[in-house]
């Protein structure tokens, strides 16, 4: 049995059955490098996350063949309003903190380089860039010098579709941008994607309000650039 799964805009994923067990076969996007994805780093972190139970069980992963096979988790993707329940918020935050506690040696994530990589891809493919994006980039890049890089392992994309809950257990999906990275970014991204104020999140005391504000601006800008890239028909064909 093979069924294509509809979620996900970067890779192709299929629900497969092997010896009566449902699994997910993911085929990596051909433009992974253009999207700033380090597949070797992703696989290394996923292996550790899977081993401690905060990612689906890993059955097979090959960067060379561009595939990943994991357990299929038949759970729920909570909507943001579910986190109005303090117990639900605590459950998800405990798992995010568990990610931040992973002890893995990897190449650090360079956010400024990531911004510039997206920007150069837009220019290379002659994708229209609005004046608003030009202005945002001009204001944002000098601020990125102050980022405290590489202090903990971060997921870097904790949106509702990347988190699934089954029997009060939280699993994080799509570890493509996970890395030794900027902890403030995970909290900022979570705040935006889950529509919840950072004041309601257990942000460590060493992360300042200024850091969170910068991380929020960075996350929004990266999402805008990513959307421009993914909506380009020429790049979309490279994933087919």
C-alpha atoms as a PDB file:
ATOM      1  CA  UNK A   1       0.000   0.000   0.000  1.00  0.00           C
ATOM      2  CA  UNK A   2       1.333   3.402  -0.992  1.00  0.00           C
ATOM      3  CA  UNK A   3      -0.610   6.665  -0.547  1.00  0.00           C
ATOM      4  CA  UNK A   4       0.746  10.149  -1.078  1.00  0.00           C
ATOM      5  CA  UNK A   5       0.355  12.375   1.960  1.00  0.00           C
ATOM      6  CA  UNK A   6      -0.985  15.839   1.228  1.00  0.00           C
ATOM      7  CA  UNK A   7       0.847  17.798   3.928  1.00  0.00           C
ATOM      8  CA  UNK A   8       4.231  19.417   3.404  1.00  0.00           C
ATOM      9  CA  UNK A   9       5.352  21.894   0.740  1.00  0.00           C
ATOM     10  CA  UNK A  10       9.041  21.055   0.549  1.00  0.00           C
ATOM     11  CA  UNK A  11       9.328  17.269   0.235  1.00  0.00           C
ATOM     12  CA  UNK A  12       7.140  14.458  -1.042  1.00  0.00           C
ATOM     13  CA  UNK A  13       5.827  12.066   1.605  1.00  0.00           C
ATOM     14  CA  UNK A  14       4.044   8.750   1.208  1.00  0.00           C
ATOM     15  CA  UNK A  15       2.185   6.517   3.632  1.00  0.00           C
ATOM     16  CA  UNK A  16       3.476   3.000   3.135  1.00  0.00           C
ATOM     17  CA  UNK A  17       2.750  -0.348   4.749  1.00  0.00           C
ATOM     18  CA  UNK A  18       5.569  -2.738   5.501  1.00  0.00           C
ATOM     19  CA  UNK A  19       4.772  -6.048   7.221  1.00  0.00           C
ATOM     20  CA  UNK A  20       1.493  -4.607   8.431  1.00  0.00           C
ATOM     21  CA  UNK A  21       3.067  -1.497   9.945  1.00  0.00           C
ATOM     22  CA  UNK A  22       2.309   2.014   8.707  1.00  0.00           C
ATOM     23  CA  UNK A  23       5.347   4.166   7.998  1.00  0.00           C
ATOM     24  CA  UNK A  24       6.110   7.431   6.247  1.00  0.00           C
ATOM     25  CA  UNK A  25       8.490   7.492   3.312  1.00  0.00           C
ATOM     26  CA  UNK A  26       9.837  10.971   2.691  1.00  0.00           C
ATOM     27  CA  UNK A  27      11.602  11.860  -0.544  1.00  0.00           C
ATOM     28  CA  UNK A  28      13.777  14.932  -0.124  1.00  0.00           C
ATOM     29  CA  UNK A  29      13.175  17.960  -2.301  1.00  0.00           C
ATOM     30  CA  UNK A  30      15.716  18.407  -5.051  1.00  0.00           C
ATOM     31  CA  UNK A  31      16.148  22.060  -4.107  1.00  0.00           C
ATOM     32  CA  UNK A  32      17.064  21.276  -0.491  1.00  0.00           C
ATOM     33  CA  UNK A  33      20.386  23.104  -0.739  1.00  0.00           C
ATOM     34  CA  UNK A  34      18.711  26.164  -2.240  1.00  0.00           C
ATOM     35  CA  UNK A  35      16.358  26.220   0.756  1.00  0.00           C
ATOM     36  CA  UNK A  36      19.311  26.121   3.143  1.00  0.00           C
ATOM     37  CA  UNK A  37      18.720  22.557   4.361  1.00  0.00           C
ATOM     38  CA  UNK A  38      21.693  20.532   5.614  1.00  0.00           C
ATOM     39  CA  UNK A  39      20.460  16.946   5.264  1.00  0.00           C
ATOM     40  CA  UNK A  40      23.450  15.433   7.094  1.00  0.00           C
ATOM     41  CA  UNK A  41      22.857  17.673  10.097  1.00  0.00           C
ATOM     42  CA  UNK A  42      19.126  16.968   9.974  1.00  0.00           C
ATOM     43  CA  UNK A  43      19.626  13.204   9.983  1.00  0.00           C
ATOM     44  CA  UNK A  44      22.119  13.312  12.854  1.00  0.00           C
ATOM     45  CA  UNK A  45      19.777  15.348  15.050  1.00  0.00           C
ATOM     46  CA  UNK A  46      16.751  13.288  14.022  1.00  0.00           C
ATOM     47  CA  UNK A  47      18.520  10.103  15.063  1.00  0.00           C
ATOM     48  CA  UNK A  48      19.040  11.499  18.580  1.00  0.00           C
ATOM     49  CA  UNK A  49      15.541  12.977  18.813  1.00  0.00           C
ATOM     50  CA  UNK A  50      14.010   9.696  17.681  1.00  0.00           C
ATOM     51  CA  UNK A  51      16.049   7.755  20.229  1.00  0.00           C
ATOM     52  CA  UNK A  52      14.674   9.830  23.129  1.00  0.00           C
ATOM     53  CA  UNK A  53      11.105   9.769  21.794  1.00  0.00           C
ATOM     54  CA  UNK A  54      10.512  13.374  20.744  1.00  0.00           C
ATOM     55  CA  UNK A  55      10.517  12.454  17.050  1.00  0.00           C
ATOM     56  CA  UNK A  56       8.916   9.465  15.306  1.00  0.00           C
ATOM     57  CA  UNK A  57      10.906   6.224  15.309  1.00  0.00           C
ATOM     58  CA  UNK A  58      13.500   6.245  12.556  1.00  0.00           C
ATOM     59  CA  UNK A  59      13.662   3.117  10.402  1.00  0.00           C
ATOM     60  CA  UNK A  60      15.990   4.276   7.647  1.00  0.00           C
ATOM     61  CA  UNK A  61      17.657   7.456   6.536  1.00  0.00           C
ATOM     62  CA  UNK A  62      19.999   8.092   3.634  1.00  0.00           C
ATOM     63  CA  UNK A  63      21.205  11.512   2.555  1.00  0.00           C
ATOM     64  CA  UNK A  64      22.789   9.987  -0.542  1.00  0.00           C
ATOM     65  CA  UNK A  65      19.496   8.426  -1.654  1.00  0.00           C
ATOM     66  CA  UNK A  66      17.427  11.348  -0.422  1.00  0.00           C
ATOM     67  CA  UNK A  67      14.990   9.309   1.650  1.00  0.00           C
ATOM     68  CA  UNK A  68      13.788   9.038   5.232  1.00  0.00           C
ATOM     69  CA  UNK A  69      11.504   6.306   6.589  1.00  0.00           C
ATOM     70  CA  UNK A  70       9.850   6.793   9.971  1.00  0.00           C
ATOM     71  CA  UNK A  71       6.890   5.554  11.977  1.00  0.00           C
ATOM     72  CA  UNK A  72       3.536   7.002  11.003  1.00  0.00           C
ATOM     73  CA  UNK A  73       2.118   8.740  14.074  1.00  0.00           C
ATOM     74  CA  UNK A  74      -1.669   8.647  13.994  1.00  0.00           C
ATOM     75  CA  UNK A  75      -2.267  11.549  16.323  1.00  0.00           C
ATOM     76  CA  UNK A  76      -3.559  15.117  16.316  1.00  0.00           C
ATOM     77  CA  UNK A  77      -2.150  18.391  15.089  1.00  0.00           C
ATOM     78  CA  UNK A  78      -3.473  20.786  17.703  1.00  0.00           C
ATOM     79  CA  UNK A  79      -4.864  24.133  16.700  1.00  0.00           C
ATOM     80  CA  UNK A  80      -3.419  27.191  18.497  1.00  0.00           C
ATOM     81  CA  UNK A  81      -6.516  27.550  20.693  1.00  0.00           C
ATOM     82  CA  UNK A  82      -5.666  24.212  22.323  1.00  0.00           C
ATOM     83  CA  UNK A  83      -2.808  25.937  24.150  1.00  0.00           C
ATOM     84  CA  UNK A  84      -5.273  28.070  26.098  1.00  0.00           C
ATOM     85  CA  UNK A  85      -5.327  25.024  28.365  1.00  0.00           C
ATOM     86  CA  UNK A  86      -2.257  25.404  30.642  1.00  0.00           C
ATOM     87  CA  UNK A  87      -1.737  21.631  30.771  1.00  0.00           C
ATOM     88  CA  UNK A  88      -1.578  21.426  26.980  1.00  0.00           C
ATOM     89  CA  UNK A  89       0.859  24.324  26.793  1.00  0.00           C
ATOM     90  CA  UNK A  90       3.036  22.733  29.458  1.00  0.00           C
ATOM     91  CA  UNK A  91       3.024  19.416  27.577  1.00  0.00           C
ATOM     92  CA  UNK A  92       4.297  20.985  24.352  1.00  0.00           C
ATOM     93  CA  UNK A  93       6.764  23.284  26.105  1.00  0.00           C
ATOM     94  CA  UNK A  94       8.263  20.366  28.022  1.00  0.00           C
ATOM     95  CA  UNK A  95       9.002  18.673  24.709  1.00  0.00           C
ATOM     96  CA  UNK A  96      10.493  21.834  23.222  1.00  0.00           C
ATOM     97  CA  UNK A  97      12.711  22.169  26.275  1.00  0.00           C
ATOM     98  CA  UNK A  98      13.719  18.538  25.807  1.00  0.00           C
ATOM     99  CA  UNK A  99      14.935  19.430  22.321  1.00  0.00           C
ATOM    100  CA  UNK A 100      16.933  22.297  23.801  1.00  0.00           C
ATOM    101  CA  UNK A 101      18.510  19.835  26.226  1.00  0.00           C
ATOM    102  CA  UNK A 102      19.825  17.473  23.530  1.00  0.00           C
ATOM    103  CA  UNK A 103      23.591  17.123  23.678  1.00  0.00           C
ATOM    104  CA  UNK A 104      24.676  16.864  20.047  1.00  0.00           C
ATOM    105  CA  UNK A 105      27.713  18.250  18.306  1.00  0.00           C
ATOM    106  CA  UNK A 106      26.686  19.710  14.938  1.00  0.00           C
ATOM    107  CA  UNK A 107      27.513  22.543  12.613  1.00  0.00           C
ATOM    108  CA  UNK A 108      25.873  25.717  13.974  1.00  0.00           C
ATOM    109  CA  UNK A 109      23.019  27.442  12.184  1.00  0.00           C
ATOM    110  CA  UNK A 110      23.979  30.819  10.720  1.00  0.00           C
ATOM    111  CA  UNK A 111      20.819  32.914  10.458  1.00  0.00           C
ATOM    112  CA  UNK A 112      22.442  35.745   8.523  1.00  0.00           C
ATOM    113  CA  UNK A 113      23.810  33.291   5.981  1.00  0.00           C
ATOM    114  CA  UNK A 114      20.364  31.693   5.811  1.00  0.00           C
ATOM    115  CA  UNK A 115      18.760  35.051   5.003  1.00  0.00           C
ATOM    116  CA  UNK A 116      21.396  35.775   2.356  1.00  0.00           C
ATOM    117  CA  UNK A 117      20.987  32.313   0.825  1.00  0.00           C
ATOM    118  CA  UNK A 118      17.253  32.865   0.362  1.00  0.00           C
ATOM    119  CA  UNK A 119      17.895  36.350  -1.001  1.00  0.00           C
ATOM    120  CA  UNK A 120      20.427  35.153  -3.552  1.00  0.00           C
ATOM    121  CA  UNK A 121      18.032  32.415  -4.705  1.00  0.00           C
ATOM    122  CA  UNK A 122      15.373  35.046  -5.318  1.00  0.00           C
ATOM    123  CA  UNK A 123      17.814  37.120  -7.361  1.00  0.00           C
ATOM    124  CA  UNK A 124      19.188  34.102  -9.238  1.00  0.00           C
ATOM    125  CA  UNK A 125      15.719  32.991 -10.293  1.00  0.00           C
ATOM    126  CA  UNK A 126      14.541  36.513 -11.148  1.00  0.00           C
ATOM    127  CA  UNK A 127      11.760  36.334  -8.590  1.00  0.00           C
ATOM    128  CA  UNK A 128      10.086  39.662  -7.949  1.00  0.00           C
ATOM    129  CA  UNK A 129      11.157  41.245  -4.659  1.00  0.00           C
ATOM    130  CA  UNK A 130       8.949  43.980  -3.268  1.00  0.00           C
ATOM    131  CA  UNK A 131      10.296  47.296  -2.006  1.00  0.00           C
ATOM    132  CA  UNK A 132       8.972  46.311   1.413  1.00  0.00           C
ATOM    133  CA  UNK A 133      11.222  43.233   1.475  1.00  0.00           C
ATOM    134  CA  UNK A 134      14.229  45.284   0.372  1.00  0.00           C
ATOM    135  CA  UNK A 135      13.602  47.714   3.231  1.00  0.00           C
ATOM    136  CA  UNK A 136      13.128  44.913   5.765  1.00  0.00           C
ATOM    137  CA  UNK A 137      16.410  43.301   4.712  1.00  0.00           C
ATOM    138  CA  UNK A 138      18.263  46.606   4.942  1.00  0.00           C
ATOM    139  CA  UNK A 139      17.039  47.139   8.504  1.00  0.00           C
ATOM    140  CA  UNK A 140      17.376  43.533   9.675  1.00  0.00           C
ATOM    141  CA  UNK A 141      20.851  42.485   8.530  1.00  0.00           C
ATOM    142  CA  UNK A 142      22.823  44.884  10.801  1.00  0.00           C
ATOM    143  CA  UNK A 143      20.794  43.696  13.804  1.00  0.00           C
ATOM    144  CA  UNK A 144      21.763  40.049  13.223  1.00  0.00           C
ATOM    145  CA  UNK A 145      25.326  40.780  14.333  1.00  0.00           C
ATOM    146  CA  UNK A 146      24.078  40.734  17.934  1.00  0.00           C
ATOM    147  CA  UNK A 147      22.643  37.199  17.741  1.00  0.00           C
ATOM    148  CA  UNK A 148      23.946  34.732  20.328  1.00  0.00           C
ATOM    149  CA  UNK A 149      24.615  31.861  17.966  1.00  0.00           C
ATOM    150  CA  UNK A 150      24.768  28.167  18.685  1.00  0.00           C
ATOM    151  CA  UNK A 151      23.905  27.794  22.342  1.00  0.00           C
ATOM    152  CA  UNK A 152      21.426  24.871  22.203  1.00  0.00           C
ATOM    153  CA  UNK A 153      19.904  22.413  19.753  1.00  0.00           C
ATOM    154  CA  UNK A 154      16.824  24.089  18.262  1.00  0.00           C
ATOM    155  CA  UNK A 155      14.065  22.769  16.021  1.00  0.00           C
ATOM    156  CA  UNK A 156      13.813  26.146  14.227  1.00  0.00           C
ATOM    157  CA  UNK A 157      10.342  25.414  12.785  1.00  0.00           C
ATOM    158  CA  UNK A 158       7.941  24.542  15.655  1.00  0.00           C
ATOM    159  CA  UNK A 159       4.695  25.292  13.824  1.00  0.00           C
ATOM    160  CA  UNK A 160       1.447  23.365  14.542  1.00  0.00           C
ATOM    161  CA  UNK A 161       1.809  21.095  11.493  1.00  0.00           C
ATOM    162  CA  UNK A 162       5.248  20.028  12.706  1.00  0.00           C
ATOM    163  CA  UNK A 163       3.971  18.923  16.108  1.00  0.00           C
ATOM    164  CA  UNK A 164       1.699  15.932  16.576  1.00  0.00           C
ATOM    165  CA  UNK A 165       0.194  14.659  19.823  1.00  0.00           C
ATOM    166  CA  UNK A 166      -0.797  11.082  20.514  1.00  0.00           C
ATOM    167  CA  UNK A 167      -1.935   9.874  23.937  1.00  0.00           C
ATOM    168  CA  UNK A 168      -0.453  12.916  25.701  1.00  0.00           C
ATOM    169  CA  UNK A 169       2.898  12.366  23.994  1.00  0.00           C
ATOM    170  CA  UNK A 170       4.380  15.050  21.774  1.00  0.00           C
ATOM    171  CA  UNK A 171       6.308  14.287  18.596  1.00  0.00           C
ATOM    172  CA  UNK A 172       8.125  16.918  16.562  1.00  0.00           C
ATOM    173  CA  UNK A 173       8.211  16.432  12.793  1.00  0.00           C
ATOM    174  CA  UNK A 174      10.237  18.023   9.973  1.00  0.00           C
ATOM    175  CA  UNK A 175      13.673  18.545  11.499  1.00  0.00           C
ATOM    176  CA  UNK A 176      15.129  20.049   8.323  1.00  0.00           C
ATOM    177  CA  UNK A 177      16.340  23.253   9.928  1.00  0.00           C
ATOM    178  CA  UNK A 178      17.231  21.784  13.318  1.00  0.00           C
ATOM    179  CA  UNK A 179      20.729  22.712  14.436  1.00  0.00           C
ATOM    180  CA  UNK A 180      22.896  24.043  17.187  1.00  0.00           C
ATOM    181  CA  UNK A 181      21.247  27.423  17.116  1.00  0.00           C
ATOM    182  CA  UNK A 182      19.696  30.481  18.742  1.00  0.00           C
ATOM    183  CA  UNK A 183      17.273  29.453  21.475  1.00  0.00           C
ATOM    184  CA  UNK A 184      15.349  32.736  21.285  1.00  0.00           C
ATOM    185  CA  UNK A 185      14.382  31.884  17.702  1.00  0.00           C
ATOM    186  CA  UNK A 186      12.485  28.738  18.745  1.00  0.00           C
ATOM    187  CA  UNK A 187      10.410  30.682  21.258  1.00  0.00           C
ATOM    188  CA  UNK A 188       9.785  33.508  18.770  1.00  0.00           C
ATOM    189  CA  UNK A 189       8.759  31.100  16.019  1.00  0.00           C
ATOM    190  CA  UNK A 190       6.522  29.194  18.426  1.00  0.00           C
ATOM    191  CA  UNK A 191       4.892  32.441  19.551  1.00  0.00           C
ATOM    192  CA  UNK A 192       4.076  33.501  15.997  1.00  0.00           C
ATOM    193  CA  UNK A 193       3.007  30.141  14.617  1.00  0.00           C
ATOM    194  CA  UNK A 194       0.843  29.283  17.640  1.00  0.00           C
ATOM    195  CA  UNK A 195      -0.502  32.825  18.061  1.00  0.00           C
ATOM    196  CA  UNK A 196       0.534  33.021  21.689  1.00  0.00           C
ATOM    197  CA  UNK A 197       2.399  35.804  23.471  1.00  0.00           C
ATOM    198  CA  UNK A 198       5.990  35.066  24.440  1.00  0.00           C
ATOM    199  CA  UNK A 199       5.066  36.320  27.924  1.00  0.00           C
ATOM    200  CA  UNK A 200       3.069  33.094  28.329  1.00  0.00           C
ATOM    201  CA  UNK A 201       6.003  30.899  27.304  1.00  0.00           C
ATOM    202  CA  UNK A 202       8.731  29.624  29.672  1.00  0.00           C
ATOM    203  CA  UNK A 203      11.432  31.733  28.052  1.00  0.00           C
ATOM    204  CA  UNK A 204      14.731  31.330  29.968  1.00  0.00           C
ATOM    205  CA  UNK A 205      15.732  34.337  32.055  1.00  0.00           C
ATOM    206  CA  UNK A 206      18.947  34.784  30.073  1.00  0.00           C
ATOM    207  CA  UNK A 207      16.967  35.575  26.896  1.00  0.00           C
ATOM    208  CA  UNK A 208      16.141  39.276  26.817  1.00  0.00           C
ATOM    209  CA  UNK A 209      13.032  40.954  25.463  1.00  0.00           C
ATOM    210  CA  UNK A 210      15.222  42.583  22.806  1.00  0.00           C
ATOM    211  CA  UNK A 211      16.422  39.158  21.663  1.00  0.00           C
ATOM    212  CA  UNK A 212      12.856  37.895  21.378  1.00  0.00           C
ATOM    213  CA  UNK A 213      11.810  40.980  19.401  1.00  0.00           C
ATOM    214  CA  UNK A 214      14.707  40.478  16.981  1.00  0.00           C
ATOM    215  CA  UNK A 215      13.946  36.767  16.651  1.00  0.00           C
ATOM    216  CA  UNK A 216      10.302  37.546  15.861  1.00  0.00           C
ATOM    217  CA  UNK A 217      11.295  40.006  13.129  1.00  0.00           C
ATOM    218  CA  UNK A 218      13.764  37.473  11.713  1.00  0.00           C
ATOM    219  CA  UNK A 219      11.227  34.641  11.692  1.00  0.00           C
ATOM    220  CA  UNK A 220       8.626  36.747   9.884  1.00  0.00           C
ATOM    221  CA  UNK A 221      11.178  37.865   7.289  1.00  0.00           C
ATOM    222  CA  UNK A 222      12.440  34.325   6.656  1.00  0.00           C
ATOM    223  CA  UNK A 223       8.873  33.091   6.215  1.00  0.00           C
ATOM    224  CA  UNK A 224       8.242  35.807   3.645  1.00  0.00           C
ATOM    225  CA  UNK A 225      11.371  34.887   1.682  1.00  0.00           C
ATOM    226  CA  UNK A 226      10.588  31.153   1.897  1.00  0.00           C
ATOM    227  CA  UNK A 227       7.074  31.774   0.594  1.00  0.00           C
ATOM    228  CA  UNK A 228       8.442  33.744  -2.357  1.00  0.00           C
ATOM    229  CA  UNK A 229      10.768  30.861  -3.210  1.00  0.00           C
ATOM    230  CA  UNK A 230       8.163  28.126  -2.821  1.00  0.00           C
ATOM    231  CA  UNK A 231       5.582  30.031  -4.867  1.00  0.00           C
ATOM    232  CA  UNK A 232       7.961  30.292  -7.796  1.00  0.00           C
ATOM    233  CA  UNK A 233       6.736  27.774 -10.431  1.00  0.00           C
ATOM    234  CA  UNK A 234      10.254  27.047 -11.744  1.00  0.00           C
ATOM    235  CA  UNK A 235      11.507  26.034  -8.317  1.00  0.00           C
ATOM    236  CA  UNK A 236       8.321  24.082  -7.552  1.00  0.00           C
ATOM    237  CA  UNK A 237       8.907  21.890 -10.612  1.00  0.00           C
ATOM    238  CA  UNK A 238      12.299  20.872  -9.215  1.00  0.00           C
ATOM    239  CA  UNK A 239      10.474  19.052  -6.418  1.00  0.00           C
ATOM    240  CA  UNK A 240       8.312  16.944  -8.727  1.00  0.00           C
END
